[in-house]
PDB file of all heavy atoms in Angstrom:
ATOM      1  N   GLY A   1     -10.293  -0.319  -9.766  1.00  0.00           N
ATOM      2  CA  GLY A   1     -10.810   0.895 -10.394  1.00  0.00           C
ATOM      3  C   GLY A   1      -9.982   2.113 -10.043  1.00  0.00           C
ATOM      4  O   GLY A   1      -9.204   2.116  -9.082  1.00  0.00           O
ATOM      5  N   GLU A   2     -10.145   3.170 -10.844  1.00  0.00           N
ATOM      6  CA  GLU A   2      -9.436   4.417 -10.571  1.00  0.00           C
ATOM      7  C   GLU A   2     -10.063   5.117  -9.369  1.00  0.00           C
ATOM      8  O   GLU A   2     -11.280   5.215  -9.257  1.00  0.00           O
ATOM      9  CB  GLU A   2      -9.502   5.359 -11.770  1.00  0.00           C
ATOM     10  CG  GLU A   2      -8.753   6.660 -11.542  1.00  0.00           C
ATOM     11  CD  GLU A   2      -8.983   7.699 -12.633  1.00  0.00           C
ATOM     12  OE1 GLU A   2     -10.037   7.646 -13.278  1.00  0.00           O
ATOM     13  OE2 GLU A   2      -8.109   8.554 -12.798  1.00  0.00           O
ATOM     14  N   VAL A   3      -9.222   5.609  -8.466  1.00  0.00           N
ATOM     15  CA  VAL A   3      -9.697   6.331  -7.294  1.00  0.00           C
ATOM     16  C   VAL A   3      -8.896   7.626  -7.167  1.00  0.00           C
ATOM     17  O   VAL A   3      -7.665   7.618  -7.177  1.00  0.00           O
ATOM     18  CB  VAL A   3      -9.534   5.496  -5.999  1.00  0.00           C
ATOM     19  CG1 VAL A   3     -10.062   6.286  -4.803  1.00  0.00           C
ATOM     20  CG2 VAL A   3     -10.272   4.173  -6.118  1.00  0.00           C
ATOM     21  N   ILE A   4      -9.616   8.738  -7.080  1.00  0.00           N
ATOM     22  CA  ILE A   4      -9.004  10.052  -6.893  1.00  0.00           C
ATOM     23  C   ILE A   4      -8.918  10.314  -5.387  1.00  0.00           C
ATOM     24  O   ILE A   4      -9.935  10.294  -4.697  1.00  0.00           O
ATOM     25  CB  ILE A   4      -9.846  11.156  -7.555  1.00  0.00           C
ATOM     26  CG1 ILE A   4     -10.115  10.843  -9.030  1.00  0.00           C
ATOM     27  CG2 ILE A   4      -9.183  12.517  -7.371  1.00  0.00           C
ATOM     28  CD1 ILE A   4      -8.900  10.818  -9.899  1.00  0.00           C
ATOM     29  N   ILE A   5      -7.712  10.541  -4.890  1.00  0.00           N
ATOM     30  CA  ILE A   5      -7.532  10.797  -3.456  1.00  0.00           C
ATOM     31  C   ILE A   5      -7.068  12.227  -3.236  1.00  0.00           C
ATOM     32  O   ILE A   5      -6.072  12.678  -3.811  1.00  0.00           O
ATOM     33  CB  ILE A   5      -6.542   9.812  -2.820  1.00  0.00           C
ATOM     34  CG1 ILE A   5      -7.085   8.382  -2.909  1.00  0.00           C
ATOM     35  CG2 ILE A   5      -6.291  10.177  -1.354  1.00  0.00           C
ATOM     36  CD1 ILE A   5      -6.206   7.340  -2.280  1.00  0.00           C
ATOM     37  N   SER A   6      -7.814  12.916  -2.390  1.00  0.00           N
ATOM     38  CA  SER A   6      -7.497  14.285  -1.998  1.00  0.00           C
ATOM     39  C   SER A   6      -7.100  14.298  -0.528  1.00  0.00           C
ATOM     40  O   SER A   6      -7.824  13.764   0.313  1.00  0.00           O
ATOM     41  CB  SER A   6      -8.734  15.167  -2.220  1.00  0.00           C
ATOM     42  OG  SER A   6      -8.617  16.400  -1.550  1.00  0.00           O
ATOM     43  N   SER A   7      -5.960  14.908  -0.219  1.00  0.00           N
ATOM     44  CA  SER A   7      -5.556  15.037   1.177  1.00  0.00           C
ATOM     45  C   SER A   7      -5.081  16.461   1.426  1.00  0.00           C
ATOM     46  O   SER A   7      -5.062  17.291   0.519  1.00  0.00           O
ATOM     47  CB  SER A   7      -4.463  14.023   1.531  1.00  0.00           C
ATOM     48  OG  SER A   7      -4.257  13.984   2.929  1.00  0.00           O
ATOM     49  N   LYS A   8      -4.710  16.740   2.672  1.00  0.00           N
ATOM     50  CA  LYS A   8      -4.326  18.093   3.040  1.00  0.00           C
ATOM     51  C   LYS A   8      -3.483  18.089   4.301  1.00  0.00           C
ATOM     52  O   LYS A   8      -3.509  17.130   5.065  1.00  0.00           O
ATOM     53  CB  LYS A   8      -5.558  18.982   3.224  1.00  0.00           C
ATOM     54  CG  LYS A   8      -6.748  18.343   3.926  1.00  0.00           C
ATOM     55  CD  LYS A   8      -8.009  19.148   3.648  1.00  0.00           C
ATOM     56  CE  LYS A   8      -9.282  18.486   4.144  1.00  0.00           C
ATOM     57  NZ  LYS A   8      -9.576  17.163   3.657  1.00  0.00           N
ATOM     58  N   SER A   9      -2.781  19.196   4.513  1.00  0.00           N
ATOM     59  CA  SER A   9      -1.952  19.337   5.702  1.00  0.00           C
ATOM     60  C   SER A   9      -1.943  20.786   6.151  1.00  0.00           C
ATOM     61  O   SER A   9      -2.002  21.710   5.331  1.00  0.00           O
ATOM     62  CB  SER A   9      -0.511  18.890   5.419  1.00  0.00           C
ATOM     63  OG  SER A   9       0.337  19.199   6.512  1.00  0.00           O
ATOM     64  N   MET A  10      -1.850  20.976   7.469  1.00  0.00           N
ATOM     65  CA  MET A  10      -1.738  22.311   8.046  1.00  0.00           C
ATOM     66  C   MET A  10      -0.292  22.784   8.112  1.00  0.00           C
ATOM     67  O   MET A  10       0.003  23.814   8.707  1.00  0.00           O
ATOM     68  CB  MET A  10      -2.347  22.318   9.451  1.00  0.00           C
ATOM     69  CG  MET A  10      -3.822  21.989   9.485  1.00  0.00           C
ATOM     70  SD  MET A  10      -4.450  21.969  11.176  1.00  0.00           S
ATOM     71  CE  MET A  10      -6.052  21.196  10.923  1.00  0.00           C
ATOM     72  N   ALA A  11       0.611  22.053   7.505  1.00  0.00           N
ATOM     73  CA  ALA A  11       2.033  22.409   7.532  1.00  0.00           C
ATOM     74  C   ALA A  11       2.253  23.831   7.018  1.00  0.00           C
ATOM     75  O   ALA A  11       1.569  24.285   6.093  1.00  0.00           O
ATOM     76  CB  ALA A  11       2.834  21.422   6.689  1.00  0.00           C
ATOM     77  N   THR A  12       3.210  24.511   7.614  1.00  0.00           N
ATOM     78  CA  THR A  12       3.540  25.877   7.188  1.00  0.00           C
ATOM     79  C   THR A  12       4.904  25.969   6.518  1.00  0.00           C
ATOM     80  O   THR A  12       5.142  26.865   5.718  1.00  0.00           O
ATOM     81  CB  THR A  12       3.519  26.830   8.393  1.00  0.00           C
ATOM     82  OG1 THR A  12       4.483  26.380   9.360  1.00  0.00           O
ATOM     83  CG2 THR A  12       2.142  26.866   9.040  1.00  0.00           C
ATOM     84  N   THR A  13       5.799  25.033   6.819  1.00  0.00           N
ATOM     85  CA  THR A  13       7.154  25.088   6.266  1.00  0.00           C
ATOM     86  C   THR A  13       7.323  24.076   5.136  1.00  0.00           C
ATOM     87  O   THR A  13       6.545  23.131   4.992  1.00  0.00           O
ATOM     88  CB  THR A  13       8.206  24.777   7.338  1.00  0.00           C
ATOM     89  OG1 THR A  13       8.082  23.389   7.731  1.00  0.00           O
ATOM     90  CG2 THR A  13       8.020  25.668   8.561  1.00  0.00           C
ATOM     91  N   TYR A  14       8.348  24.299   4.357  1.00  0.00           N
ATOM     92  CA  TYR A  14       8.658  23.393   3.253  1.00  0.00           C
ATOM     93  C   TYR A  14       8.898  21.978   3.774  1.00  0.00           C
ATOM     94  O   TYR A  14       8.333  21.000   3.261  1.00  0.00           O
ATOM     95  CB  TYR A  14       9.904  23.902   2.518  1.00  0.00           C
ATOM     96  CG  TYR A  14      10.180  23.242   1.189  1.00  0.00           C
ATOM     97  CD1 TYR A  14       9.957  23.922   0.010  1.00  0.00           C
ATOM     98  CD2 TYR A  14      10.659  21.924   1.114  1.00  0.00           C
ATOM     99  CE1 TYR A  14      10.211  23.323  -1.226  1.00  0.00           C
ATOM    100  CE2 TYR A  14      10.911  21.318  -0.108  1.00  0.00           C
ATOM    101  CZ  TYR A  14      10.686  22.030  -1.281  1.00  0.00           C
ATOM    102  OH  TYR A  14      10.933  21.440  -2.498  1.00  0.00           O
ATOM    103  N   GLU A  15       9.720  21.889   4.818  1.00  0.00           N
ATOM    104  CA  GLU A  15      10.094  20.568   5.342  1.00  0.00           C
ATOM    105  C   GLU A  15       8.888  19.825   5.911  1.00  0.00           C
ATOM    106  O   GLU A  15       8.731  18.616   5.688  1.00  0.00           O
ATOM    107  CB  GLU A  15      11.165  20.733   6.422  1.00  0.00           C
ATOM    108  CG  GLU A  15      12.507  21.260   5.924  1.00  0.00           C
ATOM    109  CD  GLU A  15      12.503  22.764   5.642  1.00  0.00           C
ATOM    110  OE1 GLU A  15      11.565  23.455   6.106  1.00  0.00           O
ATOM    111  OE2 GLU A  15      13.432  23.234   4.945  1.00  0.00           O
ATOM    112  N   ASP A  16       8.042  20.536   6.639  1.00  0.00           N
ATOM    113  CA  ASP A  16       6.886  19.877   7.242  1.00  0.00           C
ATOM    114  C   ASP A  16       5.875  19.431   6.180  1.00  0.00           C
ATOM    115  O   ASP A  16       5.246  18.372   6.311  1.00  0.00           O
ATOM    116  CB  ASP A  16       6.204  20.800   8.249  1.00  0.00           C
ATOM    117  CG  ASP A  16       6.989  20.939   9.539  1.00  0.00           C
ATOM    118  OD1 ASP A  16       7.939  20.157   9.750  1.00  0.00           O
ATOM    119  OD2 ASP A  16       6.662  21.844  10.338  1.00  0.00           O
ATOM    120  N   MET A  17       5.693  20.233   5.126  1.00  0.00           N
ATOM    121  CA  MET A  17       4.777  19.831   4.060  1.00  0.00           C
ATOM    122  C   MET A  17       5.334  18.635   3.299  1.00  0.00           C
ATOM    123  O   MET A  17       4.598  17.689   2.971  1.00  0.00           O
ATOM    124  CB  MET A  17       4.521  20.996   3.110  1.00  0.00           C
ATOM    125  CG  MET A  17       3.533  20.651   1.995  1.00  0.00           C
ATOM    126  SD  MET A  17       1.882  20.150   2.601  1.00  0.00           S
ATOM    127  CE  MET A  17       1.121  21.753   2.850  1.00  0.00           C
ATOM    128  N   GLU A  18       6.615  18.653   3.026  1.00  0.00           N
ATOM    129  CA  GLU A  18       7.233  17.526   2.328  1.00  0.00           C
ATOM    130  C   GLU A  18       7.051  16.239   3.129  1.00  0.00           C
ATOM    131  O   GLU A  18       6.707  15.181   2.583  1.00  0.00           O
ATOM    132  CB  GLU A  18       8.714  17.809   2.100  1.00  0.00           C
ATOM    133  CG  GLU A  18       9.434  16.766   1.264  1.00  0.00           C
ATOM    134  CD  GLU A  18      10.861  17.175   0.976  1.00  0.00           C
ATOM    135  OE1 GLU A  18      11.574  17.584   1.929  1.00  0.00           O
ATOM    136  OE2 GLU A  18      11.272  17.099  -0.195  1.00  0.00           O
ATOM    137  N   LYS A  19       7.243  16.325   4.434  1.00  0.00           N
ATOM    138  CA  LYS A  19       7.070  15.168   5.304  1.00  0.00           C
ATOM    139  C   LYS A  19       5.603  14.706   5.288  1.00  0.00           C
ATOM    140  O   LYS A  19       5.326  13.497   5.235  1.00  0.00           O
ATOM    141  CB  LYS A  19       7.499  15.496   6.732  1.00  0.00           C
ATOM    142  CG  LYS A  19       7.422  14.323   7.702  1.00  0.00           C
ATOM    143  CD  LYS A  19       7.956  14.705   9.072  1.00  0.00           C
ATOM    144  CE  LYS A  19       8.049  13.502   9.999  1.00  0.00           C
ATOM    145  NZ  LYS A  19       6.770  12.807  10.207  1.00  0.00           N
ATOM    146  N   ALA A  20       4.681  15.660   5.343  1.00  0.00           N
ATOM    147  CA  ALA A  20       3.260  15.311   5.343  1.00  0.00           C
ATOM    148  C   ALA A  20       2.879  14.547   4.082  1.00  0.00           C
ATOM    149  O   ALA A  20       2.158  13.535   4.140  1.00  0.00           O
ATOM    150  CB  ALA A  20       2.407  16.569   5.470  1.00  0.00           C
ATOM    151  N   VAL A  21       3.360  15.006   2.944  1.00  0.00           N
ATOM    152  CA  VAL A  21       3.028  14.347   1.678  1.00  0.00           C
ATOM    153  C   VAL A  21       3.629  12.950   1.614  1.00  0.00           C
ATOM    154  O   VAL A  21       2.928  11.962   1.321  1.00  0.00           O
ATOM    155  CB  VAL A  21       3.509  15.191   0.484  1.00  0.00           C
ATOM    156  CG1 VAL A  21       3.335  14.410  -0.826  1.00  0.00           C
ATOM    157  CG2 VAL A  21       2.745  16.505   0.414  1.00  0.00           C
ATOM    158  N   PHE A  22       4.915  12.831   1.921  1.00  0.00           N
ATOM    159  CA  PHE A  22       5.563  11.525   1.780  1.00  0.00           C
ATOM    160  C   PHE A  22       5.127  10.541   2.866  1.00  0.00           C
ATOM    161  O   PHE A  22       5.042   9.335   2.609  1.00  0.00           O
ATOM    162  CB  PHE A  22       7.079  11.682   1.734  1.00  0.00           C
ATOM    163  CG  PHE A  22       7.565  12.157   0.398  1.00  0.00           C
ATOM    164  CD1 PHE A  22       7.951  13.477   0.199  1.00  0.00           C
ATOM    165  CD2 PHE A  22       7.606  11.285  -0.683  1.00  0.00           C
ATOM    166  CE1 PHE A  22       8.383  13.920  -1.048  1.00  0.00           C
ATOM    167  CE2 PHE A  22       8.034  11.705  -1.931  1.00  0.00           C
ATOM    168  CZ  PHE A  22       8.419  13.036  -2.123  1.00  0.00           C
ATOM    169  N   ASP A  23       4.844  11.039   4.061  1.00  0.00           N
ATOM    170  CA  ASP A  23       4.290  10.140   5.089  1.00  0.00           C
ATOM    171  C   ASP A  23       2.937   9.610   4.650  1.00  0.00           C
ATOM    172  O   ASP A  23       2.607   8.438   4.864  1.00  0.00           O
ATOM    173  CB  ASP A  23       4.143  10.886   6.419  1.00  0.00           C
ATOM    174  CG  ASP A  23       5.458  11.049   7.153  1.00  0.00           C
ATOM    175  OD1 ASP A  23       6.487  10.517   6.682  1.00  0.00           O
ATOM    176  OD2 ASP A  23       5.470  11.734   8.202  1.00  0.00           O
ATOM    177  N   GLY A  24       2.129  10.468   4.036  1.00  0.00           N
ATOM    178  CA  GLY A  24       0.823  10.045   3.549  1.00  0.00           C
ATOM    179  C   GLY A  24       0.938   9.004   2.448  1.00  0.00           C
ATOM    180  O   GLY A  24       0.221   7.994   2.439  1.00  0.00           O
ATOM    181  N   LEU A  25       1.843   9.235   1.516  1.00  0.00           N
ATOM    182  CA  LEU A  25       2.033   8.271   0.433  1.00  0.00           C
ATOM    183  C   LEU A  25       2.519   6.930   0.966  1.00  0.00           C
ATOM    184  O   LEU A  25       2.099   5.864   0.504  1.00  0.00           O
ATOM    185  CB  LEU A  25       3.025   8.832  -0.589  1.00  0.00           C
ATOM    186  CG  LEU A  25       2.530  10.031  -1.402  1.00  0.00           C
ATOM    187  CD1 LEU A  25       3.650  10.565  -2.296  1.00  0.00           C
ATOM    188  CD2 LEU A  25       1.315   9.648  -2.241  1.00  0.00           C
ATOM    189  N   SER A  26       3.393   6.987   1.948  1.00  0.00           N
ATOM    190  CA  SER A  26       3.883   5.755   2.556  1.00  0.00           C
ATOM    191  C   SER A  26       2.749   4.996   3.238  1.00  0.00           C
ATOM    192  O   SER A  26       2.627   3.770   3.099  1.00  0.00           O
ATOM    193  CB  SER A  26       4.990   6.081   3.563  1.00  0.00           C
ATOM    194  OG  SER A  26       5.436   4.915   4.226  1.00  0.00           O
ATOM    195  N   ALA A  27       1.907   5.734   3.963  1.00  0.00           N
ATOM    196  CA  ALA A  27       0.794   5.090   4.673  1.00  0.00           C
ATOM    197  C   ALA A  27      -0.207   4.471   3.711  1.00  0.00           C
ATOM    198  O   ALA A  27      -0.814   3.433   4.001  1.00  0.00           O
ATOM    199  CB  ALA A  27       0.103   6.121   5.571  1.00  0.00           C
ATOM    200  N   LEU A  28      -0.382   5.114   2.562  1.00  0.00           N
ATOM    201  CA  LEU A  28      -1.348   4.623   1.573  1.00  0.00           C
ATOM    202  C   LEU A  28      -0.730   3.633   0.590  1.00  0.00           C
ATOM    203  O   LEU A  28      -1.459   2.992  -0.175  1.00  0.00           O
ATOM    204  CB  LEU A  28      -1.921   5.805   0.785  1.00  0.00           C
ATOM    205  CG  LEU A  28      -2.837   6.759   1.562  1.00  0.00           C
ATOM    206  CD1 LEU A  28      -3.060   8.031   0.766  1.00  0.00           C
ATOM    207  CD2 LEU A  28      -4.161   6.093   1.885  1.00  0.00           C
ATOM    208  N   GLU A  29       0.604   3.554   0.604  1.00  0.00           N
ATOM    209  CA  GLU A  29       1.349   2.737  -0.349  1.00  0.00           C
ATOM    210  C   GLU A  29       1.028   3.150  -1.783  1.00  0.00           C
ATOM    211  O   GLU A  29       0.724   2.331  -2.654  1.00  0.00           O
ATOM    212  CB  GLU A  29       1.087   1.242  -0.120  1.00  0.00           C
ATOM    213  CG  GLU A  29       1.600   0.748   1.227  1.00  0.00           C
ATOM    214  CD  GLU A  29       1.471  -0.759   1.419  1.00  0.00           C
ATOM    215  OE1 GLU A  29       0.941  -1.443   0.510  1.00  0.00           O
ATOM    216  OE2 GLU A  29       1.902  -1.247   2.471  1.00  0.00           O
TER     217      GLU A  29
END
């Protein structure tokens, strides 16, 4: 089934936010 996933990060910089998003996607596959 379709599942909507919402996540978030306290990152302040471009690099840290980019890492947070891609690390999350990797963990969730």
